[in-house]
Amino acid sequence: MAVHTTIRELKNFIGQTVELRGWIYNIRSSGKLRFLIMRDGSGIVQVVWFKGNVSDEIFQQLDTLTQESSLILTGKVKEDKRSAIGVELDGEGLQIIQIAQDYPLGPKEHGPDFLLSHRHLWLRSQRPRAILRIRDRFVKAVRDFFDQEGFTLIDTPIFTPAACEGTSTLFETDYFGEKAFLSQSGQLYSEAAAMAFGKVYCFGPTFRAEKSKTRRHLTEFWMIEPEVAFNDLNDNMVLAERFLEYTIQYVLKECVEEFKILERDTTKLQRVKAPFPRVSYDEAIEILNKKGVPVTWGDDFGAPEEAAVTEDFARPCFIHRFPAQIRAF
């Protein structure tokens, strides 16, 4: 009897007959052979069908399959060093659940507008799947880190009566005849909760009505906000560097294949190890002036200034003790 498993676990069943449930990613033919590329959400595997090993009915059914058709199949797992996952299947049994009709996302390249208009289908492709898998592992790392550190998760409200960051970026909505706003931050609620629990964090959606189209501006994003009673600036920097090291190294370990799919060079991420260099505001001004960057004491730093200060370090660094009129720390 075939063992029901997932593609990710196939390496544990070499020599055994297994059952997979999933969708057609691609299919091609060559004489008496059919090569079916199947995905199930956990990975992708090739299933090879030889006409002499299956019934004529099954072999004919294979020729009716289209991209994204859903099916249940059985096959024998065998080692294959050419495969990205180290195994492939010899197909044996086939049950077609549904033949997909007119699937719009073919192998050819598609523009951003087309992909966004078919986003519910684009999620099935390798790149968006890899991105969401990395995000999933990062979220797990975030929760694991704070749990191990003794923090309590506080889910703060999405609707709030007032601004946390500035009224110019508030999303206003009608709340049963009264004004309410989408949350800019859970900070005020978390600060109150820290007086009860000592160490808390919130991690959820945040909204800013910012029209700027830059890498630093988003109308909706998820924000991580820890609050610790009695922490000073140095305590916060130590917490931040340990948090970044833990979460990034966890994701690098868990998502090797996903980074390969995205063709992402992880060299810089691998260097994210505590402790991080600490540069005071005064020292940063000196560094910038030596590099010919026109700044004077009292100026705030934007992305170009931050990049100029940090480019000499092999990993992230802290710039701290800004003048009070610029930032709070």
Foldseek 3Di string as FASTA:
>chain_A
DAAEDAPLCLVVQAQGKHKYWFWFQDWDDDVQKIWTWTHHLNDIAIEIEGNVQEDPVVVVVSVQADGGFIWMWMFHWHADCVDPSRIHTHTYGIDTDGHDDPDPDDPDDDDPVVCVVVVVVCCVDQQVSLVVVLVVLLVVLLVVVCVVVQAAEDAADQKAADADPDPVFWDWDQDPNDIITGAQDRVVVQQVVCVVRQKYKYWAKHATNDPDPDPPDDRIDIDIGIDGPPDDPVNVLVVVLVSLLRSLVSSVVVRVVSCVVVVHDCQLSVPSHDDAAEAEPVRLVVQCVVVVNDDDQPDDDDPVSLCSSPVVDSHDYHYDDHPVVVDPD
